[in-house]
Amino acid sequence: MIEVPSPPESISDAKPASKSPPYLLLFLVTIVIGCGLWAFESELTLEGLASREATFQYYRSAHPLLVYLLAVGIYVTVTGLSLPGATAMTLVIGWLFGFWRGVLMVSFASTLGATLAFLLSRTLFRNAMTTRFGDRLPGFNKALAAEGAFYLFSMRLVPAVPFFVVNAIMGLTAIRVRTFWWVSQLGMLPGTLVYVYAGSRVPNLKWLAEKGVSAVFSPGQMAQIVTAFMMLGLFPLVIRRVLKNRTTTKPDGEYITTTESQRHDSHNSTHSR
């Protein structure tokens, strides 16, 4: 008789097949570029970028494809490694490429950078991120279990937690990469529209560096925009909570209101007596 080996007693006893970490090459290249950007961190401010305004315009006309690729690559690296300068770059891209092209570039570059930070937290830097943000992880897991993707969507719109913290902690949760991508892109789009529009409306970078976003939006308008973002972010959570309180599910999959459910439970209790 042929003996069949017994399976391991638990999943933890089974050793997964060793394989090279995914995206390792991309991570290494990004880290190398990021180190170079960190060395020139002062150049990523509006003042530093404004001092090279003529150079940007020349290369945009002479080498448009190269400038597009460099702008996207630098933006992905800055956001992926949580370096300062993303806001300034968003304004500059709006000024340099115009509104619609700028929105397209920033939307995909910011989402790719956020996903890169998410994957770095999940793989290469998981231990370090767990040590740094481990105290916040239970709260995130509880909110994700209760609200699902709506929770991530609201955090992208309501800046209660910095984006780099969201990217890092989400990498420690069980959320899928695909879900993280599309929810992040959708949630960050309103902010992208505002900042790219601000950049596209200024005549030159020097003026933008001196006045900032207030060169386009007054403080009152900015307050209205932030309030609108907060309402848009909280709206899905409120609707989900209302629907969750108002409905329950029957065994056959049909939905009944909470009042009907209570009546049904009361009738069964009376009948059993």
C-alpha atoms as a PDB file:
ATOM      1  CA  MET A   1       0.000   0.000   0.000  1.00  0.00           C
ATOM      2  CA  ILE A   2       1.271   3.459  -0.903  1.00  0.00           C
ATOM      3  CA  GLU A   3       1.408   5.814   2.038  1.00  0.00           C
ATOM      4  CA  VAL A   4       0.159   9.321   1.371  1.00  0.00           C
ATOM      5  CA  PRO A   5       1.975  11.933   3.419  1.00  0.00           C
ATOM      6  CA  SER A   6      -0.313  13.760   5.814  1.00  0.00           C
ATOM      7  CA  PRO A   7      -0.828  17.472   5.279  1.00  0.00           C
ATOM      8  CA  PRO A   8       0.721  19.918   7.728  1.00  0.00           C
ATOM      9  CA  GLU A   9      -1.235  20.485  10.918  1.00  0.00           C
ATOM     10  CA  SER A  10      -1.738  24.185  10.252  1.00  0.00           C
ATOM     11  CA  ILE A  11      -1.257  26.672   7.494  1.00  0.00           C
ATOM     12  CA  SER A  12       1.644  28.209   9.350  1.00  0.00           C
ATOM     13  CA  ASP A  13       3.532  24.910   9.152  1.00  0.00           C
ATOM     14  CA  ALA A  14       3.539  24.980   5.358  1.00  0.00           C
ATOM     15  CA  LYS A  15       6.491  26.924   3.973  1.00  0.00           C
ATOM     16  CA  PRO A  16       5.619  29.020   0.928  1.00  0.00           C
ATOM     17  CA  ALA A  17       7.705  28.601  -2.141  1.00  0.00           C
ATOM     18  CA  SER A  18      10.503  31.109  -2.212  1.00  0.00           C
ATOM     19  CA  LYS A  19      10.379  33.657  -4.967  1.00  0.00           C
ATOM     20  CA  SER A  20      11.836  37.049  -5.605  1.00  0.00           C
ATOM     21  CA  PRO A  21       9.731  39.917  -4.283  1.00  0.00           C
ATOM     22  CA  PRO A  22       7.466  41.414  -6.937  1.00  0.00           C
ATOM     23  CA  TYR A  23       8.254  44.851  -8.289  1.00  0.00           C
ATOM     24  CA  LEU A  24      11.710  44.647  -6.695  1.00  0.00           C
ATOM     25  CA  LEU A  25      13.468  46.184  -9.687  1.00  0.00           C
ATOM     26  CA  LEU A  26      10.941  49.009  -9.855  1.00  0.00           C
ATOM     27  CA  PHE A  27      11.378  49.652  -6.145  1.00  0.00           C
ATOM     28  CA  LEU A  28      15.158  49.790  -6.414  1.00  0.00           C
ATOM     29  CA  VAL A  29      15.067  52.158  -9.379  1.00  0.00           C
ATOM     30  CA  THR A  30      12.534  54.350  -7.590  1.00  0.00           C
ATOM     31  CA  ILE A  31      14.643  54.469  -4.438  1.00  0.00           C
ATOM     32  CA  VAL A  32      17.745  55.453  -6.423  1.00  0.00           C
ATOM     33  CA  ILE A  33      15.853  58.248  -8.182  1.00  0.00           C
ATOM     34  CA  GLY A  34      14.308  59.262  -4.883  1.00  0.00           C
ATOM     35  CA  CYS A  35      17.736  59.625  -3.284  1.00  0.00           C
ATOM     36  CA  GLY A  36      18.709  61.944  -6.114  1.00  0.00           C
ATOM     37  CA  LEU A  37      15.548  64.004  -5.641  1.00  0.00           C
ATOM     38  CA  TRP A  38      16.104  64.132  -1.897  1.00  0.00           C
ATOM     39  CA  ALA A  39      19.551  65.607  -2.523  1.00  0.00           C
ATOM     40  CA  PHE A  40      17.886  68.394  -4.523  1.00  0.00           C
ATOM     41  CA  GLU A  41      14.885  68.767  -2.235  1.00  0.00           C
ATOM     42  CA  SER A  42      15.125  72.560  -2.231  1.00  0.00           C
ATOM     43  CA  GLU A  43      14.589  72.573  -5.994  1.00  0.00           C
ATOM     44  CA  LEU A  44      11.119  71.042  -5.612  1.00  0.00           C
ATOM     45  CA  THR A  45       9.689  74.166  -3.995  1.00  0.00           C
ATOM     46  CA  LEU A  46       7.709  76.694  -6.001  1.00  0.00           C
ATOM     47  CA  GLU A  47      10.532  79.194  -5.608  1.00  0.00           C
ATOM     48  CA  GLY A  48      13.110  76.732  -6.909  1.00  0.00           C
ATOM     49  CA  LEU A  49      10.931  75.662  -9.828  1.00  0.00           C
ATOM     50  CA  ALA A  50      10.027  79.256 -10.685  1.00  0.00           C
ATOM     51  CA  SER A  51      13.724  80.116 -11.070  1.00  0.00           C
ATOM     52  CA  ARG A  52      13.869  77.666 -13.992  1.00  0.00           C
ATOM     53  CA  GLU A  53      10.687  78.754 -15.715  1.00  0.00           C
ATOM     54  CA  ALA A  54      12.378  79.592 -19.025  1.00  0.00           C
ATOM     55  CA  THR A  55      14.181  76.240 -19.049  1.00  0.00           C
ATOM     56  CA  PHE A  56      10.902  74.353 -18.581  1.00  0.00           C
ATOM     57  CA  GLN A  57       9.271  76.210 -21.445  1.00  0.00           C
ATOM     58  CA  TYR A  58      12.238  75.585 -23.752  1.00  0.00           C
ATOM     59  CA  TYR A  59      12.372  71.829 -23.133  1.00  0.00           C
ATOM     60  CA  ARG A  60       8.595  71.527 -23.372  1.00  0.00           C
ATOM     61  CA  SER A  61       8.765  72.983 -26.890  1.00  0.00           C
ATOM     62  CA  ALA A  62      11.952  71.211 -27.977  1.00  0.00           C
ATOM     63  CA  HIS A  63      11.420  67.778 -26.375  1.00  0.00           C
ATOM     64  CA  PRO A  64       7.724  67.430 -25.429  1.00  0.00           C
ATOM     65  CA  LEU A  65       7.663  63.628 -25.046  1.00  0.00           C
ATOM     66  CA  LEU A  66      10.771  63.630 -22.877  1.00  0.00           C
ATOM     67  CA  VAL A  67       9.331  66.352 -20.657  1.00  0.00           C
ATOM     68  CA  TYR A  68       6.060  64.422 -20.282  1.00  0.00           C
ATOM     69  CA  LEU A  69       7.888  61.253 -19.245  1.00  0.00           C
ATOM     70  CA  LEU A  70      10.214  63.070 -16.856  1.00  0.00           C
ATOM     71  CA  ALA A  71       7.357  64.959 -15.223  1.00  0.00           C
ATOM     72  CA  VAL A  72       5.353  61.777 -14.661  1.00  0.00           C
ATOM     73  CA  GLY A  73       8.410  59.820 -13.500  1.00  0.00           C
ATOM     74  CA  ILE A  74       9.474  62.472 -10.997  1.00  0.00           C
ATOM     75  CA  TYR A  75       5.916  62.868  -9.703  1.00  0.00           C
ATOM     76  CA  VAL A  76       5.544  59.109  -9.184  1.00  0.00           C
ATOM     77  CA  THR A  77       8.860  58.987  -7.342  1.00  0.00           C
ATOM     78  CA  VAL A  78       8.064  61.965  -5.110  1.00  0.00           C
ATOM     79  CA  THR A  79       4.665  60.560  -4.092  1.00  0.00           C
ATOM     80  CA  GLY A  80       5.862  56.958  -3.952  1.00  0.00           C
ATOM     81  CA  LEU A  81       8.636  57.791  -1.500  1.00  0.00           C
ATOM     82  CA  SER A  82       6.564  60.405   0.361  1.00  0.00           C
ATOM     83  CA  LEU A  83       8.980  63.213  -0.461  1.00  0.00           C
ATOM     84  CA  PRO A  84       7.873  66.838  -0.126  1.00  0.00           C
ATOM     85  CA  GLY A  85       7.019  68.722  -3.302  1.00  0.00           C
ATOM     86  CA  ALA A  86       3.932  66.983  -4.707  1.00  0.00           C
ATOM     87  CA  THR A  87       1.701  70.048  -4.300  1.00  0.00           C
ATOM     88  CA  ALA A  88       4.231  72.339  -5.957  1.00  0.00           C
ATOM     89  CA  MET A  89       4.675  69.883  -8.817  1.00  0.00           C
ATOM     90  CA  THR A  90       0.902  69.669  -9.312  1.00  0.00           C
ATOM     91  CA  LEU A  91       0.705  73.442  -9.701  1.00  0.00           C
ATOM     92  CA  VAL A  92       3.681  73.493 -12.072  1.00  0.00           C
ATOM     93  CA  ILE A  93       2.271  70.704 -14.229  1.00  0.00           C
ATOM     94  CA  GLY A  94      -0.983  72.623 -14.518  1.00  0.00           C
ATOM     95  CA  TRP A  95       0.925  75.732 -15.608  1.00  0.00           C
ATOM     96  CA  LEU A  96       3.241  73.870 -17.978  1.00  0.00           C
ATOM     97  CA  PHE A  97       0.828  71.491 -19.715  1.00  0.00           C
ATOM     98  CA  GLY A  98      -2.583  73.095 -19.271  1.00  0.00           C
ATOM     99  CA  PHE A  99      -5.658  71.908 -17.416  1.00  0.00           C
ATOM    100  CA  TRP A 100      -6.825  68.731 -19.178  1.00  0.00           C
ATOM    101  CA  ARG A 101      -3.410  67.267 -19.930  1.00  0.00           C
ATOM    102  CA  GLY A 102      -2.266  68.238 -16.446  1.00  0.00           C
ATOM    103  CA  VAL A 103      -5.255  66.509 -14.828  1.00  0.00           C
ATOM    104  CA  LEU A 104      -4.592  63.338 -16.814  1.00  0.00           C
ATOM    105  CA  MET A 105      -0.892  63.321 -15.898  1.00  0.00           C
ATOM    106  CA  VAL A 106      -1.318  64.135 -12.216  1.00  0.00           C
ATOM    107  CA  SER A 107      -4.274  61.788 -11.707  1.00  0.00           C
ATOM    108  CA  PHE A 108      -2.441  58.723 -12.963  1.00  0.00           C
ATOM    109  CA  ALA A 109       0.984  59.733 -11.614  1.00  0.00           C
ATOM    110  CA  SER A 110      -0.360  60.434  -8.113  1.00  0.00           C
ATOM    111  CA  THR A 111      -2.298  57.158  -8.053  1.00  0.00           C
ATOM    112  CA  LEU A 112       0.707  55.206  -9.299  1.00  0.00           C
ATOM    113  CA  GLY A 113       2.891  56.881  -6.680  1.00  0.00           C
ATOM    114  CA  ALA A 114       0.388  56.146  -3.909  1.00  0.00           C
ATOM    115  CA  THR A 115       0.180  52.516  -5.032  1.00  0.00           C
ATOM    116  CA  LEU A 116       3.966  52.315  -5.078  1.00  0.00           C
ATOM    117  CA  ALA A 117       4.089  53.583  -1.481  1.00  0.00           C
ATOM    118  CA  PHE A 118       1.331  51.091  -0.630  1.00  0.00           C
ATOM    119  CA  LEU A 119       3.346  48.192  -2.095  1.00  0.00           C
ATOM    120  CA  LEU A 120       6.580  49.335  -0.454  1.00  0.00           C
ATOM    121  CA  SER A 121       4.794  49.324   2.898  1.00  0.00           C
ATOM    122  CA  ARG A 122       3.330  45.886   2.218  1.00  0.00           C
ATOM    123  CA  THR A 123       6.595  44.251   1.119  1.00  0.00           C
ATOM    124  CA  LEU A 124      10.047  45.769   1.608  1.00  0.00           C
ATOM    125  CA  PHE A 125       9.270  48.069   4.536  1.00  0.00           C
ATOM    126  CA  ARG A 126       6.514  46.095   6.250  1.00  0.00           C
ATOM    127  CA  ASN A 127       8.373  45.609   9.532  1.00  0.00           C
ATOM    128  CA  ALA A 128       9.413  49.241   9.723  1.00  0.00           C
ATOM    129  CA  MET A 129       5.904  50.472   8.911  1.00  0.00           C
ATOM    130  CA  THR A 130       4.366  48.100  11.450  1.00  0.00           C
ATOM    131  CA  THR A 131       6.680  49.471  14.123  1.00  0.00           C
ATOM    132  CA  ARG A 132       5.883  53.074  13.223  1.00  0.00           C
ATOM    133  CA  PHE A 133       2.129  52.865  12.559  1.00  0.00           C
ATOM    134  CA  GLY A 134       1.178  49.652  14.364  1.00  0.00           C
ATOM    135  CA  ASP A 135      -0.835  51.523  16.985  1.00  0.00           C
ATOM    136  CA  ARG A 136      -3.143  52.924  14.266  1.00  0.00           C
ATOM    137  CA  LEU A 137      -3.586  49.633  12.427  1.00  0.00           C
ATOM    138  CA  PRO A 138      -6.397  48.146  14.585  1.00  0.00           C
ATOM    139  CA  GLY A 139      -8.511  51.248  14.026  1.00  0.00           C
ATOM    140  CA  PHE A 140      -7.969  51.112  10.274  1.00  0.00           C
ATOM    141  CA  ASN A 141      -8.800  47.396  10.129  1.00  0.00           C
ATOM    142  CA  LYS A 142     -11.976  47.924  12.148  1.00  0.00           C
ATOM    143  CA  ALA A 143     -13.102  50.792   9.908  1.00  0.00           C
ATOM    144  CA  LEU A 144     -12.300  48.845   6.746  1.00  0.00           C
ATOM    145  CA  ALA A 145     -14.254  45.840   8.005  1.00  0.00           C
ATOM    146  CA  ALA A 146     -17.263  48.062   8.755  1.00  0.00           C
ATOM    147  CA  GLU A 147     -17.184  50.478   5.814  1.00  0.00           C
ATOM    148  CA  GLY A 148     -15.066  48.772   3.152  1.00  0.00           C
ATOM    149  CA  ALA A 149     -13.755  50.900   0.293  1.00  0.00           C
ATOM    150  CA  PHE A 150     -15.963  53.817   1.376  1.00  0.00           C
ATOM    151  CA  TYR A 151     -13.574  54.390   4.290  1.00  0.00           C
ATOM    152  CA  LEU A 152     -10.559  54.805   2.021  1.00  0.00           C
ATOM    153  CA  PHE A 153     -12.591  57.030  -0.307  1.00  0.00           C
ATOM    154  CA  SER A 154     -13.560  59.349   2.553  1.00  0.00           C
ATOM    155  CA  MET A 155      -9.963  59.612   3.766  1.00  0.00           C
ATOM    156  CA  ARG A 156      -8.834  60.661   0.294  1.00  0.00           C
ATOM    157  CA  LEU A 157     -11.357  63.501   0.317  1.00  0.00           C
ATOM    158  CA  VAL A 158     -11.193  64.502   3.983  1.00  0.00           C
ATOM    159  CA  PRO A 159      -7.533  65.275   4.811  1.00  0.00           C
ATOM    160  CA  ALA A 160      -7.808  64.224   8.460  1.00  0.00           C
ATOM    161  CA  VAL A 161      -4.875  61.817   7.967  1.00  0.00           C
ATOM    162  CA  PRO A 162      -1.872  62.710   5.758  1.00  0.00           C
ATOM    163  CA  PHE A 163      -1.808  60.831   2.460  1.00  0.00           C
ATOM    164  CA  PHE A 164       1.553  59.201   3.103  1.00  0.00           C
ATOM    165  CA  VAL A 165       0.197  57.754   6.355  1.00  0.00           C
ATOM    166  CA  VAL A 166      -2.868  56.419   4.529  1.00  0.00           C
ATOM    167  CA  ASN A 167      -0.661  54.782   1.883  1.00  0.00           C
ATOM    168  CA  ALA A 168       1.609  53.209   4.495  1.00  0.00           C
ATOM    169  CA  ILE A 169      -1.114  51.874   6.799  1.00  0.00           C
ATOM    170  CA  MET A 170      -3.277  50.596   3.949  1.00  0.00           C
ATOM    171  CA  GLY A 171      -0.307  48.544   2.814  1.00  0.00           C
ATOM    172  CA  LEU A 172      -0.472  46.724   6.150  1.00  0.00           C
ATOM    173  CA  THR A 173      -4.150  45.831   5.741  1.00  0.00           C
ATOM    174  CA  ALA A 174      -5.767  43.145   3.601  1.00  0.00           C
ATOM    175  CA  ILE A 175      -7.216  45.546   1.017  1.00  0.00           C
ATOM    176  CA  ARG A 176      -6.538  44.487  -2.580  1.00  0.00           C
ATOM    177  CA  VAL A 177      -4.128  46.469  -4.750  1.00  0.00           C
ATOM    178  CA  ARG A 178      -6.785  46.894  -7.445  1.00  0.00           C
ATOM    179  CA  THR A 179      -9.296  48.272  -4.948  1.00  0.00           C
ATOM    180  CA  PHE A 180      -6.697  50.603  -3.452  1.00  0.00           C
ATOM    181  CA  TRP A 181      -5.841  51.896  -6.944  1.00  0.00           C
ATOM    182  CA  TRP A 182      -9.298  52.797  -8.228  1.00  0.00           C
ATOM    183  CA  VAL A 183     -10.614  54.146  -4.921  1.00  0.00           C
ATOM    184  CA  SER A 184      -7.497  56.314  -4.517  1.00  0.00           C
ATOM    185  CA  GLN A 185      -7.694  57.636  -8.064  1.00  0.00           C
ATOM    186  CA  LEU A 186     -11.362  58.495  -7.680  1.00  0.00           C
ATOM    187  CA  GLY A 187     -10.934  59.997  -4.218  1.00  0.00           C
ATOM    188  CA  MET A 188      -7.921  62.152  -5.135  1.00  0.00           C
ATOM    189  CA  LEU A 189      -9.454  63.427  -8.382  1.00  0.00           C
ATOM    190  CA  PRO A 190     -11.321  66.443  -6.891  1.00  0.00           C
ATOM    191  CA  GLY A 191      -8.150  67.749  -5.252  1.00  0.00           C
ATOM    192  CA  THR A 192      -6.234  67.155  -8.471  1.00  0.00           C
ATOM    193  CA  LEU A 193      -8.794  69.195 -10.410  1.00  0.00           C
ATOM    194  CA  VAL A 194      -8.506  72.133  -8.008  1.00  0.00           C
ATOM    195  CA  TYR A 195      -4.710  72.331  -7.899  1.00  0.00           C
ATOM    196  CA  VAL A 196      -4.142  71.695 -11.602  1.00  0.00           C
ATOM    197  CA  TYR A 197      -6.742  74.350 -12.401  1.00  0.00           C
ATOM    198  CA  ALA A 198      -4.961  76.788 -10.088  1.00  0.00           C
ATOM    199  CA  GLY A 199      -1.673  76.122 -11.849  1.00  0.00           C
ATOM    200  CA  SER A 200      -3.215  76.485 -15.301  1.00  0.00           C
ATOM    201  CA  ARG A 201      -4.670  79.924 -14.499  1.00  0.00           C
ATOM    202  CA  VAL A 202      -1.497  81.742 -13.461  1.00  0.00           C
ATOM    203  CA  PRO A 203       0.580  83.710 -16.001  1.00  0.00           C
ATOM    204  CA  ASN A 204       3.967  82.603 -14.654  1.00  0.00           C
ATOM    205  CA  LEU A 205       5.537  80.551 -11.885  1.00  0.00           C
ATOM    206  CA  LYS A 206       7.054  83.548 -10.122  1.00  0.00           C
ATOM    207  CA  TRP A 207       3.597  84.972  -9.505  1.00  0.00           C
ATOM    208  CA  LEU A 208       2.399  81.578  -8.298  1.00  0.00           C
ATOM    209  CA  ALA A 209       5.416  81.224  -5.988  1.00  0.00           C
ATOM    210  CA  GLU A 210       4.675  84.609  -4.425  1.00  0.00           C
ATOM    211  CA  LYS A 211       0.925  84.190  -3.924  1.00  0.00           C
ATOM    212  CA  GLY A 212       0.388  80.411  -3.927  1.00  0.00           C
ATOM    213  CA  VAL A 213      -3.079  79.005  -4.539  1.00  0.00           C
ATOM    214  CA  SER A 214      -4.547  82.322  -3.345  1.00  0.00           C
ATOM    215  CA  ALA A 215      -3.425  83.706  -6.707  1.00  0.00           C
ATOM    216  CA  VAL A 216      -6.459  81.930  -8.166  1.00  0.00           C
ATOM    217  CA  PHE A 217      -8.781  81.210  -5.222  1.00  0.00           C
ATOM    218  CA  SER A 218      -9.655  83.602  -2.416  1.00  0.00           C
ATOM    219  CA  PRO A 219      -9.538  82.288   1.181  1.00  0.00           C
ATOM    220  CA  GLY A 220     -13.345  82.153   1.192  1.00  0.00           C
ATOM    221  CA  GLN A 221     -13.404  80.105  -2.000  1.00  0.00           C
ATOM    222  CA  MET A 222     -10.775  77.723  -0.631  1.00  0.00           C
ATOM    223  CA  ALA A 223     -12.852  77.251   2.525  1.00  0.00           C
ATOM    224  CA  GLN A 224     -15.879  76.412   0.384  1.00  0.00           C
ATOM    225  CA  ILE A 225     -13.822  73.929  -1.653  1.00  0.00           C
ATOM    226  CA  VAL A 226     -12.495  72.182   1.467  1.00  0.00           C
ATOM    227  CA  THR A 227     -16.021  72.038   2.934  1.00  0.00           C
ATOM    228  CA  ALA A 228     -17.343  70.535  -0.299  1.00  0.00           C
ATOM    229  CA  PHE A 229     -14.598  67.883  -0.219  1.00  0.00           C
ATOM    230  CA  MET A 230     -15.480  66.981   3.368  1.00  0.00           C
ATOM    231  CA  MET A 231     -19.174  66.675   2.572  1.00  0.00           C
ATOM    232  CA  LEU A 232     -18.412  64.602  -0.525  1.00  0.00           C
ATOM    233  CA  GLY A 233     -16.161  62.312   1.504  1.00  0.00           C
ATOM    234  CA  LEU A 234     -18.610  61.818   4.367  1.00  0.00           C
ATOM    235  CA  PHE A 235     -21.694  61.411   2.171  1.00  0.00           C
ATOM    236  CA  PRO A 236     -21.030  57.759   1.158  1.00  0.00           C
ATOM    237  CA  LEU A 237     -20.381  56.792   4.781  1.00  0.00           C
ATOM    238  CA  VAL A 238     -23.595  58.445   5.964  1.00  0.00           C
ATOM    239  CA  ILE A 239     -25.662  56.788   3.223  1.00  0.00           C
ATOM    240  CA  ARG A 240     -24.070  53.414   3.930  1.00  0.00           C
ATOM    241  CA  ARG A 241     -24.773  53.763   7.658  1.00  0.00           C
ATOM    242  CA  VAL A 242     -28.407  54.759   7.039  1.00  0.00           C
ATOM    243  CA  LEU A 243     -28.986  51.868   4.666  1.00  0.00           C
ATOM    244  CA  LYS A 244     -27.301  49.475   7.063  1.00  0.00           C
ATOM    245  CA  ASN A 245     -29.566  50.568   9.904  1.00  0.00           C
ATOM    246  CA  ARG A 246     -32.702  50.521   7.756  1.00  0.00           C
ATOM    247  CA  THR A 247     -32.304  47.132   6.113  1.00  0.00           C
ATOM    248  CA  THR A 248     -31.468  43.573   6.999  1.00  0.00           C
ATOM    249  CA  THR A 249     -31.234  40.499   4.826  1.00  0.00           C
ATOM    250  CA  LYS A 250     -33.646  37.582   4.768  1.00  0.00           C
ATOM    251  CA  PRO A 251     -32.331  34.022   4.305  1.00  0.00           C
ATOM    252  CA  ASP A 252     -33.531  34.033   0.692  1.00  0.00           C
ATOM    253  CA  GLY A 253     -31.555  37.197  -0.042  1.00  0.00           C
ATOM    254  CA  GLU A 254     -34.472  39.644  -0.064  1.00  0.00           C
ATOM    255  CA  TYR A 255     -34.191  42.902   1.844  1.00  0.00           C
ATOM    256  CA  ILE A 256     -36.688  44.010   4.483  1.00  0.00           C
ATOM    257  CA  THR A 257     -36.740  47.134   6.607  1.00  0.00           C
ATOM    258  CA  THR A 258     -35.539  47.082  10.181  1.00  0.00           C
ATOM    259  CA  THR A 259     -39.109  47.683  11.414  1.00  0.00           C
ATOM    260  CA  GLU A 260     -40.374  44.661   9.495  1.00  0.00           C
ATOM    261  CA  SER A 261     -37.523  42.591  10.857  1.00  0.00           C
ATOM    262  CA  GLN A 262     -38.404  43.569  14.413  1.00  0.00           C
ATOM    263  CA  ARG A 263     -42.062  42.671  13.827  1.00  0.00           C
ATOM    264  CA  HIS A 264     -41.029  39.320  12.356  1.00  0.00           C
ATOM    265  CA  ASP A 265     -38.826  38.543  15.389  1.00  0.00           C
ATOM    266  CA  SER A 266     -41.626  39.588  17.770  1.00  0.00           C
ATOM    267  CA  HIS A 267     -44.156  37.349  15.982  1.00  0.00           C
ATOM    268  CA  ASN A 268     -41.804  34.354  16.134  1.00  0.00           C
ATOM    269  CA  SER A 269     -41.204  34.968  19.833  1.00  0.00           C
ATOM    270  CA  THR A 270     -44.952  35.128  20.572  1.00  0.00           C
ATOM    271  CA  HIS A 271     -45.647  32.026  18.476  1.00  0.00           C
ATOM    272  CA  SER A 272     -42.975  30.020  20.304  1.00  0.00           C
ATOM    273  CA  ARG A 273     -44.625  30.810  23.619  1.00  0.00           C
END
